[in-house]
Amino acid sequence: MKQAVRWALLSVGLAGLVAVLAVAPGAATPPSGLVNVALARGTDISHGNLPLQFGTDVAMAQITVNPGGSSGWHSHPGGALIVVQTGTLTVYRSLGSQCQPTTYSAGQAFIERPGEVDDVINTGTVPYVLFVTFPRVPQGASARTDEPDPGTCPGL
């Protein structure tokens, strides 16, 4: 008797699973009147994250810098998530008394942490194009803060 009940429950369970799997794909709905334009995509090669905060702004920008051009020393109040669309750039970070250069190229993505002071220079031979998302920007404020040269990267 117990074995008959087990088989009955197993059969009902399998039938339910088959019914769910058969119906589930039909429950999805295709988009209608929607256009999705991919602007940029890159593989994150940095270590970090950027939390969001209720009540702050999220800003987005496309930034283009010619060969030899520079961002100047700056920081971002909420950090930045950067995707390199084209070109090559070197980020010079001021970490304490150290200068930490890191080079990025098309197809890569990286994070600038909130308050991190850096200067970004186009070290390539073509303009670089970045797509940048700035989370946690205070409402109405700038996503960028100009910073004085920290003196950690001589020659910049």
Protein backbone atom coordinates (compact mmCIF):
# COMPACT_ATOMS: atom_id res chain seq x y z
CA MET A 1 0.00 0.00 0.00
CA LYS A 2 2.78 2.45 0.97
CA GLN A 3 4.61 1.68 -2.28
CA ALA A 4 1.42 2.36 -4.28
CA VAL A 5 1.05 5.75 -2.57
CA ARG A 6 4.70 6.59 -3.32
CA TRP A 7 4.26 5.70 -7.00
CA ALA A 8 1.08 7.75 -7.19
CA LEU A 9 2.78 10.80 -5.63
CA LEU A 10 5.83 10.38 -7.87
CA SER A 11 3.59 10.12 -10.95
CA VAL A 12 1.62 13.23 -9.99
CA GLY A 13 4.87 15.11 -9.29
CA LEU A 14 6.37 14.14 -12.65
CA ALA A 15 3.16 15.04 -14.47
CA GLY A 16 3.19 18.45 -12.75
CA LEU A 17 6.82 19.03 -13.69
CA VAL A 18 6.13 18.13 -17.33
CA ALA A 19 3.13 20.47 -17.37
CA VAL A 20 5.18 23.37 -15.95
CA LEU A 21 8.02 22.82 -18.40
CA ALA A 22 5.63 22.58 -21.34
CA VAL A 23 3.77 25.78 -20.38
CA ALA A 24 6.72 27.92 -19.17
CA PRO A 25 8.17 28.79 -22.61
CA GLY A 26 4.74 29.93 -23.74
CA ALA A 27 4.54 32.34 -20.80
CA ALA A 28 7.37 34.52 -22.13
CA THR A 29 6.29 37.54 -24.17
CA PRO A 30 8.31 39.04 -27.01
CA PRO A 31 8.89 42.81 -27.03
CA SER A 32 6.62 45.06 -29.06
CA GLY A 33 7.61 48.51 -30.32
CA LEU A 34 10.96 48.29 -28.55
CA VAL A 35 14.34 49.25 -30.01
CA ASN A 36 17.44 48.25 -28.05
CA VAL A 37 20.67 49.87 -29.27
CA ALA A 38 23.80 48.42 -27.69
CA LEU A 39 26.16 51.33 -27.06
CA ALA A 40 29.17 49.54 -25.62
CA ARG A 41 30.20 46.31 -24.00
CA GLY A 42 33.38 45.37 -22.19
CA THR A 43 34.80 42.71 -19.91
CA ASP A 44 35.43 44.03 -16.40
CA ILE A 45 39.10 43.62 -15.52
CA SER A 46 39.08 45.61 -12.29
CA HIS A 47 38.39 44.48 -8.75
CA GLY A 48 35.59 46.37 -7.08
CA ASN A 49 31.94 47.26 -7.05
CA LEU A 50 29.84 50.39 -6.96
CA PRO A 51 26.74 50.31 -4.78
CA LEU A 52 23.72 52.42 -5.68
CA GLN A 53 22.00 54.71 -3.22
CA PHE A 54 18.34 55.71 -3.11
CA GLY A 55 17.78 59.40 -3.82
CA THR A 56 20.99 60.00 -5.76
CA ASP A 57 21.30 60.50 -9.50
CA VAL A 58 22.77 58.11 -12.05
CA ALA A 59 24.43 59.93 -14.96
CA MET A 60 25.77 58.57 -18.25
CA ALA A 61 28.24 60.10 -20.69
CA GLN A 62 30.15 59.35 -23.87
CA ILE A 63 33.68 60.71 -23.52
CA THR A 64 36.10 61.11 -26.44
CA VAL A 65 39.75 62.16 -26.01
CA ASN A 66 42.26 62.68 -28.83
CA PRO A 67 45.73 61.06 -28.79
CA GLY A 68 47.89 62.71 -26.13
CA GLY A 69 44.83 64.29 -24.49
CA SER A 70 44.17 64.06 -20.77
CA SER A 71 41.22 64.09 -18.39
CA GLY A 72 43.18 66.13 -15.85
CA TRP A 73 43.31 65.06 -12.21
CA HIS A 74 39.80 64.33 -11.03
CA SER A 75 37.54 62.08 -8.96
CA HIS A 76 33.88 61.03 -8.99
CA PRO A 77 31.70 61.33 -5.88
CA GLY A 78 29.94 58.03 -6.56
CA GLY A 79 32.62 56.36 -8.67
CA ALA A 80 32.33 55.39 -12.32
CA LEU A 81 31.80 52.29 -14.43
CA ILE A 82 33.72 52.71 -17.70
CA VAL A 83 33.52 50.71 -20.93
CA VAL A 84 36.24 51.37 -23.52
CA GLN A 85 34.57 51.39 -26.94
CA THR A 86 37.65 52.31 -29.01
CA GLY A 87 41.25 53.32 -28.46
CA THR A 88 43.79 52.90 -25.68
CA LEU A 89 44.16 54.87 -22.46
CA THR A 90 46.27 54.80 -19.34
CA VAL A 91 44.76 55.60 -15.96
CA TYR A 92 47.27 57.05 -13.48
CA ARG A 93 45.91 56.55 -9.97
CA SER A 94 47.28 58.34 -6.95
CA LEU A 95 47.37 55.81 -4.11
CA GLY A 96 48.92 57.34 -1.02
CA SER A 97 52.42 58.31 -2.11
CA GLN A 98 52.40 55.89 -5.06
CA CYS A 99 51.50 56.27 -8.74
CA GLN A 100 49.69 53.26 -10.18
CA PRO A 101 49.36 53.27 -13.99
CA THR A 102 46.98 50.82 -15.67
CA THR A 103 46.38 50.63 -19.43
CA TYR A 104 43.00 49.70 -20.92
CA SER A 105 41.94 49.13 -24.52
CA ALA A 106 38.80 48.60 -26.58
CA GLY A 107 36.54 45.87 -25.24
CA GLN A 108 37.65 46.26 -21.63
CA ALA A 109 35.74 47.75 -18.72
CA PHE A 110 36.89 49.05 -15.36
CA ILE A 111 35.75 50.83 -12.23
CA GLU A 112 36.91 54.09 -10.68
CA ARG A 113 36.01 53.99 -6.99
CA PRO A 114 34.26 56.92 -5.27
CA GLY A 115 36.75 59.67 -4.41
CA GLU A 116 39.66 57.92 -6.18
CA VAL A 117 41.98 60.56 -7.67
CA ASP A 118 43.31 59.85 -11.15
CA ASP A 119 44.39 61.30 -14.48
CA VAL A 120 43.47 59.48 -17.70
CA ILE A 121 45.71 59.96 -20.74
CA ASN A 122 45.15 58.81 -24.30
CA THR A 123 48.33 56.81 -24.89
CA GLY A 124 47.14 55.46 -28.23
CA THR A 125 47.26 56.71 -31.81
CA VAL A 126 43.48 57.20 -32.27
CA PRO A 127 40.85 58.95 -30.17
CA TYR A 128 39.51 56.83 -27.36
CA VAL A 129 35.77 56.63 -26.80
CA LEU A 130 34.37 55.71 -23.40
CA PHE A 131 30.81 55.04 -22.29
CA VAL A 132 30.64 55.91 -18.62
CA THR A 133 27.97 55.41 -15.97
CA PHE A 134 28.26 57.51 -12.84
CA PRO A 135 26.20 56.11 -9.93
CA ARG A 136 25.47 57.89 -6.64
CA VAL A 137 25.84 61.43 -7.97
CA PRO A 138 24.31 63.90 -5.48
CA GLN A 139 21.12 65.31 -7.01
CA GLY A 140 21.92 68.19 -9.34
CA ALA A 141 25.67 67.97 -8.68
CA SER A 142 28.48 67.21 -11.10
CA ALA A 143 29.54 63.61 -11.69
CA ARG A 144 33.15 64.86 -11.75
CA THR A 145 35.27 66.76 -9.24
CA ASP A 146 38.44 68.49 -10.47
CA GLU A 147 41.36 67.67 -8.16
CA PRO A 148 44.82 69.26 -7.69
CA ASP A 149 47.83 67.33 -8.94
CA PRO A 150 48.74 65.07 -6.00
CA GLY A 151 52.40 64.99 -7.08
CA THR A 152 52.58 61.19 -7.06
CA CYS A 153 53.04 60.75 -10.81
CA PRO A 154 55.94 63.03 -11.89
CA GLY A 155 55.82 64.18 -15.49
CA LEU A 156 52.03 64.20 -15.85
